[in-house]
């Protein structure tokens, strides 16, 4: 399972995109955070891009793969946990606080 972020400036279509994502069985889960829609899927970026483009041919968007061990930023703990679902079995560190924390694993970075 990998985590991706679907990024678009078309906020008017956000609910339509979410409604569509809910119908795609290959997308195991989603959440909105940091202005993007985070997706969990076994499929790759190209497959996801093709599906979104087929449904929304005029939508300008990016789908970006996230690697929990290289992504940096500040997010709520539940967002880090969502991203972590797609990663290796290393347990979440207790240094992931609320409401925001940097990265989500027990590294000193």
N, C-alpha and C. Protein backbone atom coordinates (compact mmCIF):
# COMPACT_ATOMS: atom_id res chain seq x y z
N UNK A 1 0.85 -1.17 0.00
CA UNK A 1 0.00 0.00 0.00
C UNK A 1 0.90 1.23 0.00
N UNK A 2 0.55 2.20 -0.82
CA UNK A 2 1.30 3.45 -0.89
C UNK A 2 0.37 4.60 -0.59
N UNK A 3 0.97 5.69 -0.16
CA UNK A 3 0.21 6.91 0.09
C UNK A 3 0.55 7.92 -1.00
N UNK A 4 -0.48 8.57 -1.50
CA UNK A 4 -0.35 9.59 -2.53
C UNK A 4 -1.10 10.83 -2.09
N UNK A 5 -0.74 11.96 -2.69
CA UNK A 5 -1.50 13.18 -2.49
C UNK A 5 -1.99 13.66 -3.84
N UNK A 6 -3.28 13.86 -3.94
CA UNK A 6 -3.88 14.45 -5.13
C UNK A 6 -4.00 15.95 -4.83
N UNK A 7 -3.34 16.75 -5.65
CA UNK A 7 -3.31 18.20 -5.46
C UNK A 7 -3.95 18.87 -6.66
N UNK A 8 -4.92 19.74 -6.39
CA UNK A 8 -5.54 20.53 -7.44
C UNK A 8 -5.96 21.87 -6.86
N UNK A 9 -5.95 22.88 -7.68
CA UNK A 9 -6.42 24.20 -7.26
C UNK A 9 -7.91 24.36 -7.45
N UNK A 10 -8.55 23.36 -8.03
CA UNK A 10 -9.99 23.42 -8.33
C UNK A 10 -10.79 22.98 -7.10
N UNK A 11 -10.95 23.90 -6.16
CA UNK A 11 -11.65 23.57 -4.92
C UNK A 11 -13.15 23.36 -5.14
N UNK A 12 -13.68 23.90 -6.22
CA UNK A 12 -15.11 23.71 -6.51
C UNK A 12 -15.44 22.26 -6.78
N UNK A 13 -14.48 21.49 -7.26
CA UNK A 13 -14.71 20.08 -7.59
C UNK A 13 -14.30 19.13 -6.48
N UNK A 14 -13.83 19.64 -5.36
CA UNK A 14 -13.32 18.77 -4.31
C UNK A 14 -14.34 17.71 -3.90
N UNK A 15 -15.59 18.11 -3.66
CA UNK A 15 -16.59 17.13 -3.23
C UNK A 15 -16.86 16.10 -4.32
N UNK A 16 -16.89 16.54 -5.58
CA UNK A 16 -17.08 15.60 -6.69
C UNK A 16 -15.94 14.60 -6.77
N UNK A 17 -14.73 15.08 -6.54
CA UNK A 17 -13.56 14.20 -6.56
C UNK A 17 -13.66 13.17 -5.42
N UNK A 18 -14.04 13.63 -4.23
CA UNK A 18 -14.18 12.73 -3.09
C UNK A 18 -15.28 11.71 -3.34
N UNK A 19 -16.40 12.17 -3.90
CA UNK A 19 -17.49 11.24 -4.22
C UNK A 19 -17.01 10.16 -5.20
N UNK A 20 -16.20 10.56 -6.17
CA UNK A 20 -15.66 9.60 -7.14
C UNK A 20 -14.69 8.63 -6.45
N UNK A 21 -13.77 9.17 -5.65
CA UNK A 21 -12.78 8.34 -4.96
C UNK A 21 -13.46 7.28 -4.10
N UNK A 22 -14.57 7.66 -3.47
CA UNK A 22 -15.32 6.71 -2.65
C UNK A 22 -15.82 5.50 -3.44
N UNK A 23 -15.98 5.66 -4.74
CA UNK A 23 -16.51 4.59 -5.59
C UNK A 23 -15.42 3.71 -6.21
N UNK A 24 -14.15 4.08 -6.02
CA UNK A 24 -13.05 3.34 -6.64
C UNK A 24 -12.51 2.32 -5.63
N UNK A 25 -12.80 1.04 -5.84
CA UNK A 25 -12.39 0.03 -4.84
C UNK A 25 -10.88 -0.10 -4.67
N UNK A 26 -10.12 0.31 -5.67
CA UNK A 26 -8.66 0.22 -5.58
C UNK A 26 -8.05 1.30 -4.69
N UNK A 27 -8.86 2.26 -4.28
CA UNK A 27 -8.41 3.29 -3.33
C UNK A 27 -8.93 2.87 -1.96
N UNK A 28 -8.01 2.46 -1.09
CA UNK A 28 -8.37 1.87 0.20
C UNK A 28 -8.84 2.90 1.22
N UNK A 29 -8.45 4.15 1.05
CA UNK A 29 -8.84 5.18 1.99
C UNK A 29 -8.40 6.54 1.51
N UNK A 30 -8.95 7.58 2.12
CA UNK A 30 -8.56 8.94 1.77
C UNK A 30 -8.81 9.85 2.96
N UNK A 31 -8.14 11.00 2.93
CA UNK A 31 -8.39 12.06 3.91
C UNK A 31 -7.91 13.38 3.33
N UNK A 32 -8.49 14.46 3.77
CA UNK A 32 -8.08 15.79 3.32
C UNK A 32 -7.14 16.37 4.37
N UNK A 33 -5.99 16.83 3.92
CA UNK A 33 -5.02 17.48 4.81
C UNK A 33 -4.09 18.34 3.96
N UNK A 34 -3.66 19.44 4.52
CA UNK A 34 -2.68 20.32 3.86
C UNK A 34 -3.10 20.73 2.45
N UNK A 35 -4.37 20.90 2.23
CA UNK A 35 -4.84 21.36 0.93
C UNK A 35 -4.88 20.29 -0.15
N UNK A 36 -4.57 19.07 0.19
CA UNK A 36 -4.60 17.98 -0.78
C UNK A 36 -5.49 16.86 -0.29
N UNK A 37 -5.70 15.90 -1.16
CA UNK A 37 -6.46 14.71 -0.80
C UNK A 37 -5.46 13.55 -0.74
N UNK A 38 -5.24 13.04 0.45
CA UNK A 38 -4.33 11.92 0.65
C UNK A 38 -5.07 10.63 0.30
N UNK A 39 -4.42 9.76 -0.47
CA UNK A 39 -5.03 8.51 -0.93
C UNK A 39 -4.15 7.33 -0.53
N UNK A 40 -4.76 6.23 -0.19
CA UNK A 40 -4.04 4.97 0.01
C UNK A 40 -4.45 4.00 -1.08
N UNK A 41 -3.47 3.43 -1.77
CA UNK A 41 -3.78 2.50 -2.85
C UNK A 41 -2.59 1.59 -3.13
N UNK A 42 -2.90 0.40 -3.62
CA UNK A 42 -1.88 -0.53 -4.12
C UNK A 42 -1.46 -0.14 -5.54
N UNK A 43 -2.28 0.65 -6.21
CA UNK A 43 -2.00 1.06 -7.59
C UNK A 43 -0.93 2.14 -7.61
N UNK A 44 -0.33 2.37 -8.80
CA UNK A 44 0.73 3.37 -8.91
C UNK A 44 0.17 4.72 -9.36
N UNK A 45 1.06 5.71 -9.42
CA UNK A 45 0.67 7.07 -9.79
C UNK A 45 0.01 7.12 -11.16
N UNK A 46 0.56 6.39 -12.11
CA UNK A 46 0.02 6.43 -13.47
C UNK A 46 -1.41 5.90 -13.50
N UNK A 47 -1.66 4.80 -12.83
CA UNK A 47 -3.00 4.23 -12.80
C UNK A 47 -3.99 5.21 -12.17
N UNK A 48 -3.59 5.79 -11.01
CA UNK A 48 -4.46 6.75 -10.34
C UNK A 48 -4.71 7.99 -11.20
N UNK A 49 -3.65 8.47 -11.83
CA UNK A 49 -3.78 9.64 -12.71
C UNK A 49 -4.75 9.36 -13.85
N UNK A 50 -4.63 8.20 -14.47
CA UNK A 50 -5.52 7.84 -15.57
C UNK A 50 -6.97 7.77 -15.11
N UNK A 51 -7.22 7.18 -13.93
CA UNK A 51 -8.60 7.07 -13.43
C UNK A 51 -9.21 8.45 -13.15
N UNK A 52 -8.44 9.32 -12.49
CA UNK A 52 -8.96 10.67 -12.19
C UNK A 52 -9.18 11.44 -13.48
N UNK A 53 -8.26 11.33 -14.42
CA UNK A 53 -8.40 12.05 -15.69
C UNK A 53 -9.60 11.55 -16.50
N UNK A 54 -9.85 10.24 -16.48
CA UNK A 54 -11.03 9.70 -17.18
C UNK A 54 -12.32 10.30 -16.62
N UNK A 55 -12.38 10.48 -15.31
CA UNK A 55 -13.59 11.00 -14.68
C UNK A 55 -13.68 12.53 -14.77
N UNK A 56 -12.53 13.21 -14.73
CA UNK A 56 -12.48 14.67 -14.74
C UNK A 56 -11.48 15.12 -15.81
N UNK A 57 -11.84 15.01 -17.10
CA UNK A 57 -10.87 15.26 -18.18
C UNK A 57 -10.33 16.69 -18.24
N UNK A 58 -11.01 17.66 -17.67
CA UNK A 58 -10.52 19.04 -17.71
C UNK A 58 -9.85 19.48 -16.41
N UNK A 59 -9.78 18.59 -15.44
CA UNK A 59 -9.18 18.91 -14.15
C UNK A 59 -7.66 18.98 -14.28
N UNK A 60 -7.08 20.04 -13.76
CA UNK A 60 -5.63 20.18 -13.68
C UNK A 60 -5.22 19.70 -12.28
N UNK A 61 -4.34 18.69 -12.21
CA UNK A 61 -4.00 18.10 -10.92
C UNK A 61 -2.66 17.40 -10.98
N UNK A 62 -2.15 17.08 -9.81
CA UNK A 62 -0.96 16.25 -9.66
C UNK A 62 -1.29 15.12 -8.70
N UNK A 63 -0.69 13.97 -8.92
CA UNK A 63 -0.71 12.90 -7.92
C UNK A 63 0.74 12.62 -7.58
N UNK A 64 1.05 12.79 -6.30
CA UNK A 64 2.41 12.68 -5.82
C UNK A 64 2.50 11.53 -4.82
N UNK A 65 3.48 10.67 -5.01
CA UNK A 65 3.71 9.56 -4.09
C UNK A 65 4.45 10.07 -2.85
N UNK A 66 4.00 9.62 -1.67
CA UNK A 66 4.67 10.00 -0.42
C UNK A 66 5.39 8.79 0.14
N UNK A 67 6.60 9.00 0.56
CA UNK A 67 7.35 7.99 1.29
C UNK A 67 7.45 8.51 2.71
N UNK A 68 6.84 7.81 3.64
CA UNK A 68 6.79 8.24 5.04
C UNK A 68 8.18 8.57 5.58
N UNK A 69 9.19 7.88 5.11
CA UNK A 69 10.53 8.06 5.65
C UNK A 69 11.29 9.21 5.00
N UNK A 70 10.74 9.84 3.98
CA UNK A 70 11.41 10.98 3.39
C UNK A 70 10.56 12.25 3.39
N UNK A 71 9.28 12.14 3.68
CA UNK A 71 8.43 13.32 3.70
C UNK A 71 8.69 14.13 4.97
N UNK A 72 8.69 15.43 4.84
CA UNK A 72 8.90 16.33 5.97
C UNK A 72 7.76 17.32 6.04
N UNK A 73 7.46 17.81 7.20
CA UNK A 73 6.45 18.83 7.37
C UNK A 73 5.81 18.72 8.73
N UNK A 74 4.77 19.49 8.94
CA UNK A 74 4.02 19.47 10.20
C UNK A 74 2.59 19.08 9.89
N UNK A 75 2.13 18.04 10.56
CA UNK A 75 0.77 17.53 10.37
C UNK A 75 0.22 17.09 11.71
N UNK A 76 -1.08 16.92 11.76
CA UNK A 76 -1.72 16.33 12.93
C UNK A 76 -1.32 14.86 13.02
N UNK A 77 -1.33 14.32 14.23
CA UNK A 77 -0.94 12.93 14.44
C UNK A 77 -1.73 11.98 13.56
N UNK A 78 -3.05 12.20 13.42
CA UNK A 78 -3.84 11.26 12.63
C UNK A 78 -3.47 11.30 11.16
N UNK A 79 -2.96 12.44 10.66
CA UNK A 79 -2.49 12.48 9.27
C UNK A 79 -1.21 11.68 9.12
N UNK A 80 -0.28 11.82 10.08
CA UNK A 80 0.94 11.00 10.03
C UNK A 80 0.59 9.52 10.10
N UNK A 81 -0.35 9.16 10.94
CA UNK A 81 -0.75 7.76 11.05
C UNK A 81 -1.35 7.26 9.74
N UNK A 82 -2.14 8.10 9.07
CA UNK A 82 -2.70 7.74 7.77
C UNK A 82 -1.59 7.47 6.77
N UNK A 83 -0.60 8.38 6.70
CA UNK A 83 0.53 8.20 5.79
C UNK A 83 1.30 6.93 6.18
N UNK A 84 1.45 6.71 7.48
CA UNK A 84 2.20 5.56 7.97
C UNK A 84 1.55 4.23 7.60
N UNK A 85 0.22 4.21 7.42
CA UNK A 85 -0.46 2.97 7.03
C UNK A 85 0.14 2.37 5.78
N UNK A 86 0.73 3.22 4.95
CA UNK A 86 1.27 2.74 3.68
C UNK A 86 2.73 2.32 3.79
N UNK A 87 3.32 2.44 4.98
CA UNK A 87 4.77 2.23 5.14
C UNK A 87 5.09 0.92 5.84
N UNK A 88 6.36 0.74 6.11
CA UNK A 88 6.84 -0.47 6.79
C UNK A 88 6.23 -0.60 8.18
N UNK A 89 6.53 -1.68 8.86
CA UNK A 89 5.88 -1.99 10.12
C UNK A 89 6.53 -1.35 11.34
N UNK A 90 7.41 -0.36 11.15
CA UNK A 90 8.01 0.33 12.29
C UNK A 90 6.91 1.05 13.06
N UNK A 91 6.83 0.85 14.38
CA UNK A 91 5.74 1.48 15.13
C UNK A 91 5.86 2.99 15.16
N UNK A 92 4.72 3.65 15.31
CA UNK A 92 4.70 5.11 15.44
C UNK A 92 5.43 5.49 16.71
N UNK A 93 6.15 6.57 16.65
CA UNK A 93 6.90 7.05 17.80
C UNK A 93 6.01 7.91 18.69
N UNK A 94 6.32 7.94 19.96
CA UNK A 94 5.55 8.77 20.87
C UNK A 94 5.89 10.25 20.71
N UNK A 95 6.90 10.59 19.88
CA UNK A 95 7.22 11.99 19.68
C UNK A 95 6.28 12.67 18.69
N UNK A 96 5.31 11.94 18.19
CA UNK A 96 4.32 12.53 17.29
C UNK A 96 3.23 13.09 18.18
N UNK A 97 3.19 14.40 18.29
CA UNK A 97 2.27 15.03 19.22
C UNK A 97 1.06 15.62 18.57
N UNK A 98 0.29 16.32 19.36
CA UNK A 98 -0.88 17.02 18.87
C UNK A 98 -0.76 18.47 19.26
N UNK A 99 -1.31 19.40 18.52
CA UNK A 99 -2.03 19.13 17.29
C UNK A 99 -1.12 18.95 16.08
N UNK A 100 0.11 19.46 16.14
CA UNK A 100 1.02 19.33 15.00
C UNK A 100 2.34 18.74 15.47
N UNK A 101 2.95 17.97 14.59
CA UNK A 101 4.29 17.49 14.89
C UNK A 101 5.05 17.37 13.60
N UNK A 102 6.37 17.40 13.73
CA UNK A 102 7.24 17.28 12.57
C UNK A 102 7.52 15.82 12.31
N UNK A 103 7.36 15.43 11.04
CA UNK A 103 7.51 14.06 10.61
C UNK A 103 6.75 13.14 11.51
N UNK A 104 6.92 11.86 11.40
CA UNK A 104 6.08 10.98 12.20
C UNK A 104 6.77 9.76 12.73
N UNK A 105 8.09 9.69 12.63
CA UNK A 105 8.77 8.50 13.12
C UNK A 105 9.77 8.93 14.18
N UNK A 106 10.31 7.97 14.88
CA UNK A 106 11.22 8.25 15.98
C UNK A 106 12.62 8.58 15.54
N UNK A 107 12.79 9.50 14.63
CA UNK A 107 14.14 9.89 14.21
C UNK A 107 14.47 11.22 14.84
N UNK A 108 15.72 11.55 14.89
CA UNK A 108 16.14 12.82 15.47
C UNK A 108 16.19 13.92 14.44
N UNK A 109 15.76 13.65 13.23
CA UNK A 109 15.79 14.66 12.17
C UNK A 109 14.76 15.73 12.44
